[in-house]
Amino acid sequence: MQIKIQYYALMREQAGRSAETLETTAATPAQVYVELARRHPFTLPAEQLKVAVNGEFCDWTRPLSPGDAIVFIPPVAGG
């Protein structure tokens, strides 16, 4: 299935892009992250990230559907 991935902050830097379309057999965001971590030099473990699918925060085990848009959100610091 084809899904869309968006990257922000540190993850955008590490992936070298702000978004990509991925052809995958992954069934959950957790499986997608494992697949992407093999392709990109991500330094953050999944435990430090939030995940959103189609604009809504969700659990890492949420089932995915073709065309879903996934965002992995790294921790941010601000003042």
PDB file of N, CA and C in Angstrom:
ATOM      1  N   MET A   1       0.833  -1.169   0.000  1.00  0.00           N
ATOM      2  CA  MET A   1       0.000   0.000   0.000  1.00  0.00           C
ATOM      3  C   MET A   1       0.881   1.236   0.000  1.00  0.00           C
ATOM      4  N   GLN A   2       0.325   2.327  -0.447  1.00  0.00           N
ATOM      5  CA  GLN A   2       1.062   3.589  -0.515  1.00  0.00           C
ATOM      6  C   GLN A   2       0.568   4.513   0.593  1.00  0.00           C
ATOM      7  N   ILE A   3       1.525   5.086   1.343  1.00  0.00           N
ATOM      8  CA  ILE A   3       1.207   6.040   2.399  1.00  0.00           C
ATOM      9  C   ILE A   3       2.109   7.256   2.239  1.00  0.00           C
ATOM     10  N   LYS A   4       1.728   8.333   2.901  1.00  0.00           N
ATOM     11  CA  LYS A   4       2.507   9.572   2.856  1.00  0.00           C
ATOM     12  C   LYS A   4       3.128   9.808   4.219  1.00  0.00           C
ATOM     13  N   ILE A   5       4.370  10.238   4.206  1.00  0.00           N
ATOM     14  CA  ILE A   5       5.096  10.524   5.438  1.00  0.00           C
ATOM     15  C   ILE A   5       5.525  11.984   5.406  1.00  0.00           C
ATOM     16  N   GLN A   6       5.351  12.689   6.533  1.00  0.00           N
ATOM     17  CA  GLN A   6       5.855  14.048   6.668  1.00  0.00           C
ATOM     18  C   GLN A   6       6.855  14.075   7.815  1.00  0.00           C
ATOM     19  N   TYR A   7       7.900  14.883   7.631  1.00  0.00           N
ATOM     20  CA  TYR A   7       8.943  14.998   8.645  1.00  0.00           C
ATOM     21  C   TYR A   7       9.059  16.436   9.114  1.00  0.00           C
ATOM     22  N   TYR A   8       9.359  16.608  10.396  1.00  0.00           N
ATOM     23  CA  TYR A   8       9.559  17.924  10.972  1.00  0.00           C
ATOM     24  C   TYR A   8      10.828  17.923  11.811  1.00  0.00           C
ATOM     25  N   ALA A   9      11.386  19.116  11.977  1.00  0.00           N
ATOM     26  CA  ALA A   9      12.513  19.353  12.875  1.00  0.00           C
ATOM     27  C   ALA A   9      13.682  18.398  12.600  1.00  0.00           C
ATOM     28  N   LEU A  10      14.192  17.772  13.635  1.00  0.00           N
ATOM     29  CA  LEU A  10      15.355  16.894  13.523  1.00  0.00           C
ATOM     30  C   LEU A  10      15.129  15.771  12.512  1.00  0.00           C
ATOM     31  N   MET A  11      13.940  15.238  12.479  1.00  0.00           N
ATOM     32  CA  MET A  11      13.685  14.128  11.551  1.00  0.00           C
ATOM     33  C   MET A  11      13.755  14.592  10.096  1.00  0.00           C
ATOM     34  N   ARG A  12      13.329  15.818   9.820  1.00  0.00           N
ATOM     35  CA  ARG A  12      13.436  16.350   8.462  1.00  0.00           C
ATOM     36  C   ARG A  12      14.906  16.466   8.066  1.00  0.00           C
ATOM     37  N   GLU A  13      15.721  16.940   8.981  1.00  0.00           N
ATOM     38  CA  GLU A  13      17.157  17.045   8.713  1.00  0.00           C
ATOM     39  C   GLU A  13      17.764  15.668   8.455  1.00  0.00           C
ATOM     40  N   GLN A  14      17.418  14.705   9.271  1.00  0.00           N
ATOM     41  CA  GLN A  14      18.009  13.377   9.144  1.00  0.00           C
ATOM     42  C   GLN A  14      17.510  12.642   7.906  1.00  0.00           C
ATOM     43  N   ALA A  15      16.275  12.862   7.513  1.00  0.00           N
ATOM     44  CA  ALA A  15      15.739  12.217   6.311  1.00  0.00           C
ATOM     45  C   ALA A  15      16.183  12.949   5.042  1.00  0.00           C
ATOM     46  N   GLY A  16      16.580  14.206   5.187  1.00  0.00           N
ATOM     47  CA  GLY A  16      17.008  14.979   4.031  1.00  0.00           C
ATOM     48  C   GLY A  16      15.844  15.429   3.157  1.00  0.00           C
ATOM     49  N   ARG A  17      14.656  15.461   3.718  1.00  0.00           N
ATOM     50  CA  ARG A  17      13.448  15.868   2.989  1.00  0.00           C
ATOM     51  C   ARG A  17      12.343  16.172   3.990  1.00  0.00           C
ATOM     52  N   SER A  18      11.313  16.861   3.538  1.00  0.00           N
ATOM     53  CA  SER A  18      10.208  17.186   4.429  1.00  0.00           C
ATOM     54  C   SER A  18       9.052  16.190   4.301  1.00  0.00           C
ATOM     55  N   ALA A  19       9.043  15.432   3.196  1.00  0.00           N
ATOM     56  CA  ALA A  19       7.965  14.467   2.995  1.00  0.00           C
ATOM     57  C   ALA A  19       8.405  13.418   1.987  1.00  0.00           C
ATOM     58  N   GLU A  20       7.711  12.301   1.992  1.00  0.00           N
ATOM     59  CA  GLU A  20       7.922  11.277   0.972  1.00  0.00           C
ATOM     60  C   GLU A  20       6.704  10.367   0.921  1.00  0.00           C
ATOM     61  N   THR A  21       6.551   9.716  -0.208  1.00  0.00           N
ATOM     62  CA  THR A  21       5.514   8.705  -0.384  1.00  0.00           C
ATOM     63  C   THR A  21       6.207   7.360  -0.282  1.00  0.00           C
ATOM     64  N   LEU A  22       5.612   6.463   0.458  1.00  0.00           N
ATOM     65  CA  LEU A  22       6.240   5.171   0.731  1.00  0.00           C
ATOM     66  C   LEU A  22       5.315   4.043   0.292  1.00  0.00           C
ATOM     67  N   GLU A  23       5.867   3.117  -0.453  1.00  0.00           N
ATOM     68  CA  GLU A  23       5.164   1.873  -0.793  1.00  0.00           C
ATOM     69  C   GLU A  23       5.597   0.867   0.266  1.00  0.00           C
ATOM     70  N   THR A  24       4.649   0.331   1.032  1.00  0.00           N
ATOM     71  CA  THR A  24       5.000  -0.496   2.179  1.00  0.00           C
ATOM     72  C   THR A  24       3.982  -1.605   2.411  1.00  0.00           C
ATOM     73  N   THR A  25       4.419  -2.611   3.130  1.00  0.00           N
ATOM     74  CA  THR A  25       3.510  -3.649   3.603  1.00  0.00           C
ATOM     75  C   THR A  25       3.291  -3.503   5.106  1.00  0.00           C
ATOM     76  N   ALA A  26       3.868  -2.455   5.704  1.00  0.00           N
ATOM     77  CA  ALA A  26       3.711  -2.214   7.140  1.00  0.00           C
ATOM     78  C   ALA A  26       2.242  -2.010   7.473  1.00  0.00           C
ATOM     79  N   ALA A  27       1.830  -2.551   8.595  1.00  0.00           N
ATOM     80  CA  ALA A  27       0.424  -2.488   9.000  1.00  0.00           C
ATOM     81  C   ALA A  27       0.148  -1.447  10.078  1.00  0.00           C
ATOM     82  N   THR A  28       1.213  -0.941  10.723  1.00  0.00           N
ATOM     83  CA  THR A  28       1.059   0.013  11.822  1.00  0.00           C
ATOM     84  C   THR A  28       2.119   1.104  11.711  1.00  0.00           C
ATOM     85  N   PRO A  29       1.911   2.246  12.379  1.00  0.00           N
ATOM     86  CA  PRO A  29       2.959   3.268  12.398  1.00  0.00           C
ATOM     87  C   PRO A  29       4.279   2.745  12.977  1.00  0.00           C
ATOM     88  N   ALA A  30       4.211   1.864  13.959  1.00  0.00           N
ATOM     89  CA  ALA A  30       5.435   1.298  14.545  1.00  0.00           C
ATOM     90  C   ALA A  30       6.238   0.549  13.479  1.00  0.00           C
ATOM     91  N   GLN A  31       5.572  -0.235  12.661  1.00  0.00           N
ATOM     92  CA  GLN A  31       6.268  -0.975  11.600  1.00  0.00           C
ATOM     93  C   GLN A  31       6.818  -0.027  10.534  1.00  0.00           C
ATOM     94  N   VAL A  32       6.080   1.034  10.237  1.00  0.00           N
ATOM     95  CA  VAL A  32       6.567   2.029   9.275  1.00  0.00           C
ATOM     96  C   VAL A  32       7.840   2.676   9.803  1.00  0.00           C
ATOM     97  N   TYR A  33       7.861   3.026  11.097  1.00  0.00           N
ATOM     98  CA  TYR A  33       9.042   3.682  11.656  1.00  0.00           C
ATOM     99  C   TYR A  33      10.260   2.766  11.587  1.00  0.00           C
ATOM    100  N   VAL A  34      10.084   1.500  11.867  1.00  0.00           N
ATOM    101  CA  VAL A  34      11.198   0.547  11.760  1.00  0.00           C
ATOM    102  C   VAL A  34      11.723   0.522  10.325  1.00  0.00           C
ATOM    103  N   GLU A  35      10.818   0.479   9.363  1.00  0.00           N
ATOM    104  CA  GLU A  35      11.216   0.467   7.954  1.00  0.00           C
ATOM    105  C   GLU A  35      11.956   1.750   7.572  1.00  0.00           C
ATOM    106  N   LEU A  36      11.439   2.886   8.004  1.00  0.00           N
ATOM    107  CA  LEU A  36      12.083   4.159   7.668  1.00  0.00           C
ATOM    108  C   LEU A  36      13.434   4.311   8.351  1.00  0.00           C
ATOM    109  N   ALA A  37      13.556   3.801   9.579  1.00  0.00           N
ATOM    110  CA  ALA A  37      14.819   3.912  10.312  1.00  0.00           C
ATOM    111  C   ALA A  37      15.929   3.114   9.625  1.00  0.00           C
ATOM    112  N   ARG A  38      15.564   2.137   8.814  1.00  0.00           N
ATOM    113  CA  ARG A  38      16.576   1.393   8.040  1.00  0.00           C
ATOM    114  C   ARG A  38      17.069   2.219   6.850  1.00  0.00           C
ATOM    115  N   ARG A  39      16.230   3.142   6.367  1.00  0.00           N
ATOM    116  CA  ARG A  39      16.549   3.947   5.187  1.00  0.00           C
ATOM    117  C   ARG A  39      17.193   5.278   5.531  1.00  0.00           C
ATOM    118  N   HIS A  40      16.875   5.816   6.699  1.00  0.00           N
ATOM    119  CA  HIS A  40      17.343   7.142   7.101  1.00  0.00           C
ATOM    120  C   HIS A  40      18.106   7.033   8.418  1.00  0.00           C
ATOM    121  N   PRO A  41      19.034   7.952   8.655  1.00  0.00           N
ATOM    122  CA  PRO A  41      19.842   7.886   9.888  1.00  0.00           C
ATOM    123  C   PRO A  41      19.132   8.497  11.101  1.00  0.00           C
ATOM    124  N   PHE A  42      17.930   8.030  11.409  1.00  0.00           N
ATOM    125  CA  PHE A  42      17.198   8.566  12.551  1.00  0.00           C
ATOM    126  C   PHE A  42      17.907   8.202  13.848  1.00  0.00           C
ATOM    127  N   THR A  43      18.026   9.180  14.733  1.00  0.00           N
ATOM    128  CA  THR A  43      18.709   8.941  16.008  1.00  0.00           C
ATOM    129  C   THR A  43      17.735   8.831  17.179  1.00  0.00           C
ATOM    130  N   LEU A  44      16.477   9.178  16.955  1.00  0.00           N
ATOM    131  CA  LEU A  44      15.499   9.123  18.040  1.00  0.00           C
ATOM    132  C   LEU A  44      14.770   7.782  18.048  1.00  0.00           C
ATOM    133  N   PRO A  45      14.699   7.145  19.216  1.00  0.00           N
ATOM    134  CA  PRO A  45      13.898   5.920  19.302  1.00  0.00           C
ATOM    135  C   PRO A  45      12.411   6.282  19.265  1.00  0.00           C
ATOM    136  N   ALA A  46      11.605   5.356  18.823  1.00  0.00           N
ATOM    137  CA  ALA A  46      10.160   5.588  18.716  1.00  0.00           C
ATOM    138  C   ALA A  46       9.552   6.038  20.036  1.00  0.00           C
ATOM    139  N   GLU A  47      10.094   5.583  21.147  1.00  0.00           N
ATOM    140  CA  GLU A  47       9.554   5.943  22.458  1.00  0.00           C
ATOM    141  C   GLU A  47       9.602   7.442  22.721  1.00  0.00           C
ATOM    142  N   GLN A  48      10.470   8.167  22.014  1.00  0.00           N
ATOM    143  CA  GLN A  48      10.589   9.610  22.211  1.00  0.00           C
ATOM    144  C   GLN A  48       9.736  10.413  21.233  1.00  0.00           C
ATOM    145  N   LEU A  49       9.017   9.733  20.355  1.00  0.00           N
ATOM    146  CA  LEU A  49       8.223  10.403  19.332  1.00  0.00           C
ATOM    147  C   LEU A  49       6.733  10.266  19.601  1.00  0.00           C
ATOM    148  N   LYS A  50       5.976  11.200  19.064  1.00  0.00           N
ATOM    149  CA  LYS A  50       4.523  11.075  18.979  1.00  0.00           C
ATOM    150  C   LYS A  50       4.215  10.719  17.535  1.00  0.00           C
ATOM    151  N   VAL A  51       3.080  10.115  17.294  1.00  0.00           N
ATOM    152  CA  VAL A  51       2.694   9.780  15.933  1.00  0.00           C
ATOM    153  C   VAL A  51       1.260  10.248  15.696  1.00  0.00           C
ATOM    154  N   ALA A  52       1.036  10.773  14.500  1.00  0.00           N
ATOM    155  CA  ALA A  52      -0.306  11.181  14.085  1.00  0.00           C
ATOM    156  C   ALA A  52      -0.592  10.563  12.723  1.00  0.00           C
ATOM    157  N   VAL A  53      -1.816  10.111  12.550  1.00  0.00           N
ATOM    158  CA  VAL A  53      -2.254   9.561  11.266  1.00  0.00           C
ATOM    159  C   VAL A  53      -3.466  10.378  10.831  1.00  0.00           C
ATOM    160  N   ASN A  54      -3.373  10.903   9.623  1.00  0.00           N
ATOM    161  CA  ASN A  54      -4.455  11.732   9.064  1.00  0.00           C
ATOM    162  C   ASN A  54      -4.837  12.876   9.995  1.00  0.00           C
ATOM    163  N   GLY A  55      -3.809  13.492  10.593  1.00  0.00           N
ATOM    164  CA  GLY A  55      -4.027  14.676  11.414  1.00  0.00           C
ATOM    165  C   GLY A  55      -4.484  14.435  12.835  1.00  0.00           C
ATOM    166  N   GLU A  56      -4.533  13.179  13.273  1.00  0.00           N
ATOM    167  CA  GLU A  56      -4.953  12.865  14.636  1.00  0.00           C
ATOM    168  C   GLU A  56      -3.898  12.041  15.350  1.00  0.00           C
ATOM    169  N   PHE A  57      -3.528  12.477  16.566  1.00  0.00           N
ATOM    170  CA  PHE A  57      -2.603  11.678  17.362  1.00  0.00           C
ATOM    171  C   PHE A  57      -3.213  10.303  17.588  1.00  0.00           C
ATOM    172  N   CYS A  58      -2.356   9.280  17.572  1.00  0.00           N
ATOM    173  CA  CYS A  58      -2.867   7.921  17.720  1.00  0.00           C
ATOM    174  C   CYS A  58      -1.823   7.038  18.375  1.00  0.00           C
ATOM    175  N   ASP A  59      -2.223   5.821  18.610  1.00  0.00           N
ATOM    176  CA  ASP A  59      -1.357   4.794  19.163  1.00  0.00           C
ATOM    177  C   ASP A  59      -0.462   4.243  18.057  1.00  0.00           C
ATOM    178  N   TRP A  60       0.708   3.784  18.432  1.00  0.00           N
ATOM    179  CA  TRP A  60       1.658   3.230  17.468  1.00  0.00           C
ATOM    180  C   TRP A  60       1.157   1.934  16.825  1.00  0.00           C
ATOM    181  N   THR A  61       0.130   1.331  17.400  1.00  0.00           N
ATOM    182  CA  THR A  61      -0.389   0.068  16.860  1.00  0.00           C
ATOM    183  C   THR A  61      -1.648   0.260  16.012  1.00  0.00           C
ATOM    184  N   ARG A  62      -2.023   1.503  15.735  1.00  0.00           N
ATOM    185  CA  ARG A  62      -3.220   1.792  14.932  1.00  0.00           C
ATOM    186  C   ARG A  62      -3.074   1.155  13.555  1.00  0.00           C
ATOM    187  N   PRO A  63      -4.070   0.423  13.089  1.00  0.00           N
ATOM    188  CA  PRO A  63      -3.996  -0.153  11.741  1.00  0.00           C
ATOM    189  C   PRO A  63      -3.981   0.948  10.672  1.00  0.00           C
ATOM    190  N   LEU A  64      -3.169   0.749   9.657  1.00  0.00           N
ATOM    191  CA  LEU A  64      -3.055   1.716   8.562  1.00  0.00           C
ATOM    192  C   LEU A  64      -3.893   1.290   7.366  1.00  0.00           C
ATOM    193  N   SER A  65      -4.265   2.277   6.571  1.00  0.00           N
ATOM    194  CA  SER A  65      -5.007   2.053   5.333  1.00  0.00           C
ATOM    195  C   SER A  65      -4.276   2.740   4.195  1.00  0.00           C
ATOM    196  N   PRO A  66      -4.457   2.265   2.966  1.00  0.00           N
ATOM    197  CA  PRO A  66      -3.827   2.926   1.827  1.00  0.00           C
ATOM    198  C   PRO A  66      -4.195   4.413   1.792  1.00  0.00           C
ATOM    199  N   GLY A  67      -3.199   5.237   1.505  1.00  0.00           N
ATOM    200  CA  GLY A  67      -3.404   6.672   1.403  1.00  0.00           C
ATOM    201  C   GLY A  67      -3.283   7.434   2.706  1.00  0.00           C
ATOM    202  N   ASP A  68      -3.071   6.733   3.831  1.00  0.00           N
ATOM    203  CA  ASP A  68      -2.913   7.422   5.107  1.00  0.00           C
ATOM    204  C   ASP A  68      -1.716   8.363   5.064  1.00  0.00           C
ATOM    205  N   ALA A  69      -1.818   9.443   5.826  1.00  0.00           N
ATOM    206  CA  ALA A  69      -0.717  10.398   5.987  1.00  0.00           C
ATOM    207  C   ALA A  69      -0.214  10.290   7.419  1.00  0.00           C
ATOM    208  N   ILE A  70       1.070   9.981   7.567  1.00  0.00           N
ATOM    209  CA  ILE A  70       1.672   9.765   8.884  1.00  0.00           C
ATOM    210  C   ILE A  70       2.677  10.866   9.171  1.00  0.00           C
ATOM    211  N   VAL A  71       2.655  11.368  10.398  1.00  0.00           N
ATOM    212  CA  VAL A  71       3.640  12.338  10.858  1.00  0.00           C
ATOM    213  C   VAL A  71       4.254  11.788  12.132  1.00  0.00           C
ATOM    214  N   PHE A  72       5.572  11.700  12.153  1.00  0.00           N
ATOM    215  CA  PHE A  72       6.301  11.337  13.371  1.00  0.00           C
ATOM    216  C   PHE A  72       6.807  12.650  13.950  1.00  0.00           C
ATOM    217  N   ILE A  73       6.441  12.925  15.195  1.00  0.00           N
ATOM    218  CA  ILE A  73       6.706  14.228  15.791  1.00  0.00           C
ATOM    219  C   ILE A  73       7.767  14.088  16.887  1.00  0.00           C
ATOM    220  N   PRO A  74       8.942  14.686  16.642  1.00  0.00           N
ATOM    221  CA  PRO A  74      10.005  14.599  17.632  1.00  0.00           C
ATOM    222  C   PRO A  74       9.743  15.563  18.790  1.00  0.00           C
ATOM    223  N   PRO A  75      10.424  15.355  19.926  1.00  0.00           N
ATOM    224  CA  PRO A  75      10.269  16.300  21.027  1.00  0.00           C
ATOM    225  C   PRO A  75      10.802  17.663  20.593  1.00  0.00           C
ATOM    226  N   VAL A  76      10.177  18.691  21.106  1.00  0.00           N
ATOM    227  CA  VAL A  76      10.613  20.048  20.762  1.00  0.00           C
ATOM    228  C   VAL A  76      10.909  20.808  22.035  1.00  0.00           C
ATOM    229  N   ALA A  77      11.815  21.756  21.919  1.00  0.00           N
ATOM    230  CA  ALA A  77      12.142  22.635  23.036  1.00  0.00           C
ATOM    231  C   ALA A  77      11.795  24.051  22.619  1.00  0.00           C
ATOM    232  N   GLY A  78      11.413  24.815  23.546  1.00  0.00           N
ATOM    233  CA  GLY A  78      11.058  26.194  23.210  1.00  0.00           C
ATOM    234  C   GLY A  78      11.087  27.043  24.445  1.00  0.00           C
ATOM    235  N   GLY A  79      10.844  28.313  24.206  1.00  0.00           N
ATOM    236  CA  GLY A  79      10.886  29.198  25.352  1.00  0.00           C
ATOM    237  C   GLY A  79       9.796  30.205  25.287  1.00  0.00           C
TER     238      GLY A  79
END
